[in-house]
Amino acid sequence: MHLNTLSPAPGSKKTRLRVGRGASAGQGKTCGRGVKGQRARKGGYHKVGFEGGQMPLQRRLPKFGFRSKVSPTVGEVMLSELAKVEGTVIDLETLKQAGVVDAQVLRARIVLSGSVSRAVTVKGIHVTKGALAAIVAAGGQVEPLEAPAPATKLAPKPRTDTKGAKKA
């Protein structure tokens, strides 16, 4: 094989259509652009979705739904998935190691779906009422979550300027 014998695959190269070269060439006079109008002009450009001033379709259609920014950080654990976790103490780290929740999860909650067959101790995870009853019925226990510290309001700073003070 030599460089002078190489050629592109048949049908991969098309000859360029030379427009505006007479009526017999097939694309003469208006060069396939039609007659007048924005698209016939040299600078006839418009944005994608532009409909000539009419309200575009993507703005006419109703919008619905949203993506929660919280959902990727909160994992939901079914009661039946607790069987996958080794050991008797279950917290967020053990759930991540067992592959029950994603590694990016910051909080988790256990919901009543299925059943638990062994006694487990749940620490630092929110548990629904039904799941709490099922865990206690199986002989386990749930340690309550630490409540977040209440926000304290800062005392107002004493005024040092004399603009608003009355003159004596």
N, C-alpha and C. Protein backbone atom coordinates (compact mmCIF):
# COMPACT_ATOMS: atom_id res chain seq x y z
N MET A 1 0.85 -1.18 0.00
CA MET A 1 0.00 0.00 0.00
C MET A 1 0.90 1.24 0.00
N HIS A 2 0.53 2.19 -0.82
CA HIS A 2 1.27 3.44 -0.92
C HIS A 2 0.31 4.60 -0.70
N LEU A 3 0.88 5.75 -0.32
CA LEU A 3 0.05 6.91 -0.06
C LEU A 3 -0.72 7.37 -1.29
N ASN A 4 -0.14 7.18 -2.47
CA ASN A 4 -0.83 7.62 -3.69
C ASN A 4 -1.95 6.69 -4.11
N THR A 5 -2.09 5.55 -3.42
CA THR A 5 -3.19 4.64 -3.77
C THR A 5 -4.37 4.78 -2.81
N LEU A 6 -4.19 5.57 -1.75
CA LEU A 6 -5.28 5.74 -0.79
C LEU A 6 -6.39 6.59 -1.38
N SER A 7 -7.64 6.23 -1.09
CA SER A 7 -8.78 7.02 -1.54
C SER A 7 -9.90 6.86 -0.51
N PRO A 8 -10.76 7.86 -0.38
CA PRO A 8 -11.85 7.74 0.59
C PRO A 8 -12.85 6.66 0.19
N ALA A 9 -13.62 6.22 1.14
CA ALA A 9 -14.63 5.18 0.88
C ALA A 9 -15.65 5.71 -0.11
N PRO A 10 -16.15 4.84 -0.96
CA PRO A 10 -17.12 5.30 -1.95
C PRO A 10 -18.40 5.83 -1.29
N GLY A 11 -18.83 7.01 -1.72
CA GLY A 11 -20.03 7.63 -1.19
C GLY A 11 -19.77 8.54 0.01
N SER A 12 -18.54 8.56 0.54
CA SER A 12 -18.27 9.39 1.71
C SER A 12 -18.00 10.84 1.34
N LYS A 13 -17.60 11.11 0.13
CA LYS A 13 -17.32 12.47 -0.32
C LYS A 13 -18.33 12.86 -1.39
N LYS A 14 -19.05 13.96 -1.14
CA LYS A 14 -19.99 14.46 -2.14
C LYS A 14 -19.41 15.73 -2.73
N THR A 15 -19.65 15.93 -4.00
CA THR A 15 -19.16 17.15 -4.64
C THR A 15 -20.01 18.32 -4.17
N ARG A 16 -19.36 19.46 -3.92
CA ARG A 16 -20.05 20.64 -3.42
C ARG A 16 -21.00 21.17 -4.48
N LEU A 17 -22.21 21.54 -4.03
CA LEU A 17 -23.21 22.08 -4.96
C LEU A 17 -22.87 23.54 -5.22
N ARG A 18 -22.63 23.89 -6.46
CA ARG A 18 -22.27 25.27 -6.83
C ARG A 18 -23.55 26.00 -7.19
N VAL A 19 -24.01 26.87 -6.25
CA VAL A 19 -25.28 27.55 -6.43
C VAL A 19 -25.05 28.87 -7.17
N GLY A 20 -26.12 29.34 -7.80
CA GLY A 20 -26.07 30.63 -8.48
C GLY A 20 -25.29 30.59 -9.78
N ARG A 21 -25.27 29.46 -10.46
CA ARG A 21 -24.52 29.34 -11.71
C ARG A 21 -25.45 29.07 -12.90
N GLY A 22 -26.65 29.67 -12.86
CA GLY A 22 -27.55 29.53 -14.01
C GLY A 22 -28.69 28.56 -13.73
N ALA A 23 -29.75 28.70 -14.51
CA ALA A 23 -30.97 27.91 -14.31
C ALA A 23 -30.72 26.43 -14.59
N SER A 24 -29.85 26.12 -15.52
CA SER A 24 -29.63 24.72 -15.88
C SER A 24 -28.87 23.96 -14.79
N ALA A 25 -28.21 24.68 -13.88
CA ALA A 25 -27.44 24.02 -12.83
C ALA A 25 -28.35 23.50 -11.70
N GLY A 26 -29.62 23.92 -11.69
CA GLY A 26 -30.56 23.42 -10.69
C GLY A 26 -30.73 24.35 -9.51
N GLN A 27 -29.73 25.17 -9.18
CA GLN A 27 -29.82 26.09 -8.06
C GLN A 27 -29.43 27.49 -8.53
N GLY A 28 -30.02 27.94 -9.62
CA GLY A 28 -29.67 29.23 -10.17
C GLY A 28 -30.52 30.34 -9.58
N LYS A 29 -30.27 31.55 -9.96
CA LYS A 29 -30.98 32.76 -9.56
C LYS A 29 -31.08 32.92 -8.05
N THR A 30 -32.08 32.32 -7.38
CA THR A 30 -32.23 32.54 -5.94
C THR A 30 -31.39 31.56 -5.12
N CYS A 31 -30.68 30.68 -5.74
CA CYS A 31 -29.75 29.74 -5.08
C CYS A 31 -30.45 28.84 -4.07
N GLY A 32 -31.72 28.52 -4.28
CA GLY A 32 -32.42 27.61 -3.38
C GLY A 32 -32.95 28.28 -2.13
N ARG A 33 -32.87 29.64 -2.06
CA ARG A 33 -33.32 30.35 -0.86
C ARG A 33 -34.76 30.84 -0.98
N GLY A 34 -35.41 30.62 -2.07
CA GLY A 34 -36.76 31.11 -2.25
C GLY A 34 -36.75 32.57 -2.66
N VAL A 35 -37.90 33.24 -2.50
CA VAL A 35 -38.04 34.62 -2.94
C VAL A 35 -38.29 35.50 -1.74
N LYS A 36 -37.44 36.50 -1.54
CA LYS A 36 -37.56 37.49 -0.48
C LYS A 36 -37.63 36.85 0.92
N GLY A 37 -37.82 37.67 1.90
CA GLY A 37 -37.93 37.19 3.28
C GLY A 37 -36.60 37.13 3.99
N GLN A 38 -36.65 36.92 5.27
CA GLN A 38 -35.45 36.96 6.11
C GLN A 38 -34.45 35.88 5.71
N ARG A 39 -34.96 34.70 5.39
CA ARG A 39 -34.04 33.60 5.06
C ARG A 39 -33.39 33.77 3.70
N ALA A 40 -33.92 34.65 2.88
CA ALA A 40 -33.33 34.87 1.56
C ALA A 40 -32.19 35.89 1.63
N ARG A 41 -32.15 36.66 2.69
CA ARG A 41 -31.15 37.72 2.80
C ARG A 41 -29.80 37.18 3.22
N LYS A 42 -28.80 37.99 2.99
CA LYS A 42 -27.43 37.60 3.30
C LYS A 42 -27.25 37.41 4.81
N GLY A 43 -27.77 38.33 5.61
CA GLY A 43 -27.62 38.22 7.06
C GLY A 43 -28.85 37.65 7.73
N GLY A 44 -29.60 36.81 7.04
CA GLY A 44 -30.88 36.31 7.55
C GLY A 44 -30.69 35.27 8.63
N TYR A 45 -30.36 35.73 9.82
CA TYR A 45 -30.11 34.82 10.93
C TYR A 45 -31.18 35.01 11.99
N HIS A 46 -31.58 33.95 12.63
CA HIS A 46 -32.46 34.05 13.79
C HIS A 46 -32.08 32.95 14.77
N LYS A 47 -32.40 33.19 16.04
CA LYS A 47 -32.04 32.25 17.08
C LYS A 47 -32.85 30.97 16.95
N VAL A 48 -32.33 29.90 17.55
CA VAL A 48 -33.05 28.64 17.57
C VAL A 48 -34.32 28.84 18.39
N GLY A 49 -35.45 28.45 17.84
CA GLY A 49 -36.73 28.61 18.53
C GLY A 49 -37.41 29.93 18.25
N PHE A 50 -36.75 30.85 17.52
CA PHE A 50 -37.37 32.13 17.21
C PHE A 50 -38.45 31.92 16.17
N GLU A 51 -39.62 32.50 16.39
CA GLU A 51 -40.75 32.29 15.49
C GLU A 51 -41.25 33.61 14.92
N GLY A 52 -40.33 34.50 14.58
CA GLY A 52 -40.71 35.74 13.93
C GLY A 52 -41.44 36.71 14.82
N GLY A 53 -41.22 36.68 16.09
CA GLY A 53 -41.91 37.58 17.00
C GLY A 53 -43.08 36.93 17.69
N GLN A 54 -43.59 35.84 17.11
CA GLN A 54 -44.66 35.10 17.79
C GLN A 54 -44.07 34.46 19.05
N MET A 55 -44.89 34.27 20.07
CA MET A 55 -44.41 33.67 21.31
C MET A 55 -43.93 32.24 21.00
N PRO A 56 -42.68 31.94 21.27
CA PRO A 56 -42.13 30.63 20.90
C PRO A 56 -42.81 29.47 21.63
N LEU A 57 -42.75 28.31 21.02
CA LEU A 57 -43.43 27.14 21.55
C LEU A 57 -42.94 26.80 22.95
N GLN A 58 -41.62 26.91 23.19
CA GLN A 58 -41.10 26.54 24.51
C GLN A 58 -41.56 27.51 25.60
N ARG A 59 -42.04 28.69 25.23
CA ARG A 59 -42.59 29.63 26.22
C ARG A 59 -44.10 29.52 26.32
N ARG A 60 -44.75 28.96 25.29
CA ARG A 60 -46.21 28.79 25.32
C ARG A 60 -46.63 27.59 26.15
N LEU A 61 -45.78 26.55 26.20
CA LEU A 61 -46.16 25.32 26.88
C LEU A 61 -46.10 25.51 28.40
N PRO A 62 -47.00 24.83 29.13
CA PRO A 62 -46.96 24.96 30.60
C PRO A 62 -45.76 24.26 31.19
N LYS A 63 -45.25 24.83 32.25
CA LYS A 63 -44.11 24.24 32.94
C LYS A 63 -44.64 23.50 34.17
N PHE A 64 -43.99 22.41 34.54
CA PHE A 64 -44.44 21.66 35.70
C PHE A 64 -43.27 20.91 36.31
N GLY A 65 -43.40 20.62 37.60
CA GLY A 65 -42.40 19.84 38.30
C GLY A 65 -41.19 20.66 38.69
N PHE A 66 -40.37 20.08 39.56
CA PHE A 66 -39.12 20.71 39.94
C PHE A 66 -38.19 19.64 40.46
N ARG A 67 -36.90 19.95 40.54
CA ARG A 67 -35.92 19.02 41.09
C ARG A 67 -35.49 19.54 42.46
N SER A 68 -35.73 18.74 43.47
CA SER A 68 -35.38 19.14 44.83
C SER A 68 -33.87 19.12 45.01
N LYS A 69 -33.34 20.17 45.64
CA LYS A 69 -31.92 20.22 45.92
C LYS A 69 -31.58 19.42 47.17
N VAL A 70 -32.61 19.02 47.94
CA VAL A 70 -32.39 18.28 49.17
C VAL A 70 -32.36 16.77 48.92
N SER A 71 -33.11 16.28 47.93
CA SER A 71 -33.28 14.85 47.74
C SER A 71 -31.99 14.07 47.54
N PRO A 72 -30.94 14.59 46.85
CA PRO A 72 -29.72 13.78 46.74
C PRO A 72 -29.00 13.58 48.06
N THR A 73 -29.29 14.42 49.07
CA THR A 73 -28.58 14.32 50.34
C THR A 73 -29.36 13.53 51.39
N VAL A 74 -30.58 13.12 51.09
CA VAL A 74 -31.41 12.39 52.04
C VAL A 74 -31.70 11.01 51.46
N GLY A 75 -31.36 9.97 52.22
CA GLY A 75 -31.60 8.60 51.76
C GLY A 75 -32.76 7.98 52.50
N GLU A 76 -33.56 7.19 51.79
CA GLU A 76 -34.69 6.51 52.40
C GLU A 76 -34.38 5.03 52.48
N VAL A 77 -34.50 4.47 53.65
CA VAL A 77 -34.16 3.07 53.90
C VAL A 77 -35.42 2.32 54.29
N MET A 78 -35.70 1.23 53.58
CA MET A 78 -36.84 0.40 53.95
C MET A 78 -36.46 -0.51 55.11
N LEU A 79 -37.44 -0.87 55.90
CA LEU A 79 -37.20 -1.70 57.08
C LEU A 79 -36.60 -3.05 56.68
N SER A 80 -37.02 -3.58 55.54
CA SER A 80 -36.50 -4.87 55.09
C SER A 80 -35.03 -4.80 54.68
N GLU A 81 -34.53 -3.58 54.35
CA GLU A 81 -33.13 -3.44 53.95
C GLU A 81 -32.16 -3.48 55.13
N LEU A 82 -32.68 -3.40 56.35
CA LEU A 82 -31.82 -3.46 57.53
C LEU A 82 -31.18 -4.84 57.68
N ALA A 83 -31.73 -5.86 57.02
CA ALA A 83 -31.15 -7.20 57.08
C ALA A 83 -29.80 -7.26 56.37
N LYS A 84 -29.56 -6.33 55.41
CA LYS A 84 -28.29 -6.32 54.68
C LYS A 84 -27.14 -5.79 55.53
N VAL A 85 -27.47 -5.07 56.61
CA VAL A 85 -26.44 -4.44 57.44
C VAL A 85 -25.94 -5.44 58.47
N GLU A 86 -24.60 -5.59 58.54
CA GLU A 86 -23.98 -6.47 59.53
C GLU A 86 -23.95 -5.77 60.88
N GLY A 87 -24.02 -6.54 61.96
CA GLY A 87 -23.94 -5.99 63.30
C GLY A 87 -25.31 -5.59 63.83
N THR A 88 -25.30 -5.19 65.10
CA THR A 88 -26.57 -4.84 65.74
C THR A 88 -26.77 -3.33 65.82
N VAL A 89 -25.70 -2.54 65.76
CA VAL A 89 -25.81 -1.08 65.82
C VAL A 89 -25.84 -0.54 64.39
N ILE A 90 -26.87 0.22 64.08
CA ILE A 90 -27.03 0.76 62.73
C ILE A 90 -27.00 2.28 62.81
N ASP A 91 -26.06 2.87 62.10
CA ASP A 91 -26.01 4.32 61.95
C ASP A 91 -25.75 4.65 60.48
N LEU A 92 -25.55 5.92 60.17
CA LEU A 92 -25.40 6.34 58.78
C LEU A 92 -24.18 5.70 58.12
N GLU A 93 -23.08 5.59 58.85
CA GLU A 93 -21.85 5.01 58.28
C GLU A 93 -22.03 3.53 57.94
N THR A 94 -22.71 2.78 58.81
CA THR A 94 -22.92 1.36 58.52
C THR A 94 -23.86 1.16 57.33
N LEU A 95 -24.82 2.07 57.18
CA LEU A 95 -25.71 1.99 56.01
C LEU A 95 -24.94 2.25 54.72
N LYS A 96 -23.99 3.21 54.76
CA LYS A 96 -23.17 3.50 53.58
C LYS A 96 -22.26 2.33 53.25
N GLN A 97 -21.66 1.71 54.26
CA GLN A 97 -20.75 0.59 54.03
C GLN A 97 -21.49 -0.62 53.47
N ALA A 98 -22.74 -0.81 53.89
CA ALA A 98 -23.53 -1.94 53.39
C ALA A 98 -24.10 -1.67 52.01
N GLY A 99 -23.98 -0.42 51.53
CA GLY A 99 -24.50 -0.09 50.19
C GLY A 99 -25.99 0.14 50.16
N VAL A 100 -26.60 0.38 51.32
CA VAL A 100 -28.04 0.62 51.37
C VAL A 100 -28.36 2.03 50.91
N VAL A 101 -27.49 3.01 51.26
CA VAL A 101 -27.66 4.38 50.80
C VAL A 101 -26.41 4.82 50.07
N ASP A 102 -26.52 5.89 49.27
CA ASP A 102 -25.38 6.42 48.52
C ASP A 102 -24.35 7.03 49.46
N ALA A 103 -23.14 7.17 48.94
CA ALA A 103 -22.06 7.75 49.74
C ALA A 103 -22.25 9.25 49.96
N GLN A 104 -23.02 9.94 49.08
CA GLN A 104 -23.22 11.37 49.20
C GLN A 104 -24.28 11.75 50.21
N VAL A 105 -25.02 10.77 50.71
CA VAL A 105 -26.15 11.04 51.60
C VAL A 105 -25.65 11.61 52.92
N LEU A 106 -26.31 12.68 53.39
CA LEU A 106 -25.97 13.31 54.66
C LEU A 106 -26.93 12.91 55.78
N ARG A 107 -28.17 12.57 55.41
CA ARG A 107 -29.18 12.14 56.37
C ARG A 107 -29.92 10.94 55.81
N ALA A 108 -30.53 10.17 56.70
CA ALA A 108 -31.33 9.02 56.25
C ALA A 108 -32.56 8.90 57.13
N ARG A 109 -33.56 8.20 56.61
CA ARG A 109 -34.74 7.91 57.41
C ARG A 109 -35.20 6.50 57.10
N ILE A 110 -35.65 5.80 58.12
CA ILE A 110 -36.11 4.43 57.99
C ILE A 110 -37.64 4.46 57.94
N VAL A 111 -38.20 3.83 56.89
CA VAL A 111 -39.65 3.82 56.72
C VAL A 111 -40.17 2.40 56.86
N LEU A 112 -41.43 2.27 57.21
CA LEU A 112 -42.07 0.97 57.39
C LEU A 112 -42.40 0.37 56.04
N SER A 113 -41.55 -0.52 55.58
CA SER A 113 -41.79 -1.25 54.34
C SER A 113 -41.09 -2.59 54.49
N GLY A 114 -41.85 -3.64 54.67
CA GLY A 114 -41.27 -4.94 54.96
C GLY A 114 -41.24 -5.16 56.47
N SER A 115 -40.34 -6.02 56.92
CA SER A 115 -40.27 -6.32 58.35
C SER A 115 -38.82 -6.52 58.74
N VAL A 116 -38.56 -6.39 60.03
CA VAL A 116 -37.22 -6.63 60.57
C VAL A 116 -37.31 -7.87 61.45
N SER A 117 -36.32 -8.79 61.30
CA SER A 117 -36.41 -10.07 61.99
C SER A 117 -35.48 -10.18 63.18
N ARG A 118 -34.57 -9.23 63.38
CA ARG A 118 -33.63 -9.31 64.49
C ARG A 118 -33.63 -7.99 65.26
N ALA A 119 -33.11 -8.06 66.47
CA ALA A 119 -33.06 -6.87 67.32
C ALA A 119 -31.88 -6.00 66.89
N VAL A 120 -32.16 -4.74 66.57
CA VAL A 120 -31.11 -3.81 66.15
C VAL A 120 -31.25 -2.52 66.95
N THR A 121 -30.12 -1.81 67.07
CA THR A 121 -30.11 -0.51 67.72
C THR A 121 -29.84 0.54 66.66
N VAL A 122 -30.74 1.49 66.51
CA VAL A 122 -30.62 2.53 65.48
C VAL A 122 -30.16 3.81 66.15
N LYS A 123 -29.06 4.38 65.63
CA LYS A 123 -28.49 5.62 66.19
C LYS A 123 -28.38 6.69 65.12
N GLY A 124 -28.82 7.89 65.43
CA GLY A 124 -28.61 9.04 64.56
C GLY A 124 -29.36 9.01 63.25
N ILE A 125 -30.42 8.22 63.17
CA ILE A 125 -31.21 8.13 61.93
C ILE A 125 -32.67 8.38 62.29
N HIS A 126 -33.34 9.17 61.47
CA HIS A 126 -34.77 9.43 61.69
C HIS A 126 -35.55 8.17 61.38
N VAL A 127 -36.51 7.83 62.24
CA VAL A 127 -37.33 6.63 62.08
C VAL A 127 -38.79 7.04 62.12
N THR A 128 -39.57 6.57 61.16
CA THR A 128 -41.00 6.90 61.15
C THR A 128 -41.71 6.14 62.28
N LYS A 129 -42.95 6.55 62.58
CA LYS A 129 -43.69 5.94 63.69
C LYS A 129 -43.90 4.45 63.48
N GLY A 130 -44.30 4.06 62.27
CA GLY A 130 -44.54 2.65 61.99
C GLY A 130 -43.28 1.82 62.07
N ALA A 131 -42.17 2.37 61.56
CA ALA A 131 -40.90 1.65 61.61
C ALA A 131 -40.40 1.55 63.05
N LEU A 132 -40.63 2.57 63.84
CA LEU A 132 -40.24 2.54 65.26
C LEU A 132 -40.97 1.43 65.99
N ALA A 133 -42.27 1.30 65.74
CA ALA A 133 -43.06 0.25 66.39
C ALA A 133 -42.57 -1.13 65.98
N ALA A 134 -42.20 -1.29 64.71
CA ALA A 134 -41.74 -2.60 64.22
C ALA A 134 -40.37 -2.96 64.81
N ILE A 135 -39.48 -1.98 64.94
CA ILE A 135 -38.15 -2.24 65.50
C ILE A 135 -38.26 -2.61 66.98
N VAL A 136 -39.11 -1.89 67.72
CA VAL A 136 -39.30 -2.18 69.14
C VAL A 136 -39.97 -3.54 69.32
N ALA A 137 -40.90 -3.88 68.44
CA ALA A 137 -41.59 -5.18 68.52
C ALA A 137 -40.62 -6.33 68.26
N ALA A 138 -39.57 -6.10 67.47
CA ALA A 138 -38.58 -7.14 67.19
C ALA A 138 -37.53 -7.23 68.29
N GLY A 139 -37.64 -6.38 69.32
CA GLY A 139 -36.70 -6.43 70.43
C GLY A 139 -35.58 -5.42 70.32
N GLY A 140 -35.63 -4.52 69.34
CA GLY A 140 -34.59 -3.52 69.16
C GLY A 140 -34.93 -2.23 69.86
N GLN A 141 -34.07 -1.25 69.69
CA GLN A 141 -34.32 0.06 70.27
C GLN A 141 -33.82 1.15 69.33
N VAL A 142 -34.38 2.34 69.50
CA VAL A 142 -34.03 3.49 68.68
C VAL A 142 -33.60 4.61 69.61
N GLU A 143 -32.36 5.07 69.41
CA GLU A 143 -31.88 6.20 70.20
C GLU A 143 -32.33 7.48 69.51
N PRO A 144 -32.90 8.42 70.29
CA PRO A 144 -33.44 9.63 69.65
C PRO A 144 -32.35 10.49 69.04
N LEU A 145 -32.73 11.25 68.02
CA LEU A 145 -31.80 12.19 67.38
C LEU A 145 -31.54 13.36 68.30
N GLU A 146 -30.33 13.92 68.19
CA GLU A 146 -30.03 15.14 68.94
C GLU A 146 -30.74 16.29 68.25
N ALA A 147 -31.49 17.06 69.03
CA ALA A 147 -32.19 18.21 68.45
C ALA A 147 -31.17 19.30 68.14
N PRO A 148 -31.33 19.98 67.00
CA PRO A 148 -30.40 21.06 66.68
C PRO A 148 -30.52 22.19 67.69
N ALA A 149 -29.42 22.87 67.94
CA ALA A 149 -29.41 23.97 68.90
C ALA A 149 -30.32 25.08 68.42
N PRO A 150 -31.15 25.65 69.29
CA PRO A 150 -32.05 26.72 68.85
C PRO A 150 -31.23 27.97 68.47
N ALA A 151 -31.69 28.64 67.46
CA ALA A 151 -31.01 29.85 67.00
C ALA A 151 -31.22 30.96 68.02
N THR A 152 -30.14 31.59 68.42
CA THR A 152 -30.25 32.69 69.37
C THR A 152 -30.20 34.00 68.62
N LYS A 153 -31.02 34.93 69.07
CA LYS A 153 -31.08 36.22 68.42
C LYS A 153 -30.02 37.12 69.02
N LEU A 154 -29.27 37.79 68.19
CA LEU A 154 -28.23 38.68 68.67
C LEU A 154 -28.84 39.96 69.24
N ALA A 155 -28.25 40.45 70.31
CA ALA A 155 -28.72 41.70 70.91
C ALA A 155 -28.31 42.86 70.02
N PRO A 156 -29.15 43.89 69.92
CA PRO A 156 -28.79 45.02 69.06
C PRO A 156 -27.58 45.77 69.63
N LYS A 157 -26.74 46.26 68.74
CA LYS A 157 -25.55 47.01 69.16
C LYS A 157 -25.97 48.38 69.66
N PRO A 158 -25.29 48.88 70.71
CA PRO A 158 -25.64 50.24 71.18
C PRO A 158 -25.19 51.27 70.16
N ARG A 159 -25.96 52.33 70.05
CA ARG A 159 -25.65 53.37 69.06
C ARG A 159 -24.50 54.24 69.56
N THR A 160 -23.60 54.55 68.65
CA THR A 160 -22.45 55.39 69.02
C THR A 160 -22.51 56.74 68.34
N ASP A 161 -23.35 56.88 67.33
CA ASP A 161 -23.42 58.16 66.64
C ASP A 161 -24.45 59.08 67.31
N THR A 162 -24.44 60.35 66.97
CA THR A 162 -25.34 61.32 67.59
C THR A 162 -26.33 61.89 66.59
N LYS A 163 -26.48 61.24 65.46
CA LYS A 163 -27.38 61.78 64.42
C LYS A 163 -28.82 61.77 64.88
N GLY A 164 -29.26 60.65 65.49
CA GLY A 164 -30.67 60.54 65.85
C GLY A 164 -30.94 61.01 67.26
N ALA A 165 -29.92 61.40 68.01
CA ALA A 165 -30.12 61.81 69.41
C ALA A 165 -30.64 63.24 69.48
N LYS A 166 -31.47 63.50 70.51
CA LYS A 166 -32.00 64.85 70.70
C LYS A 166 -30.94 65.75 71.35
N LYS A 167 -30.96 66.98 70.96
CA LYS A 167 -30.01 67.93 71.56
C LYS A 167 -30.59 68.46 72.87
N ALA A 168 -29.74 68.56 73.88
CA ALA A 168 -30.22 68.99 75.19
C ALA A 168 -30.12 70.48 75.37
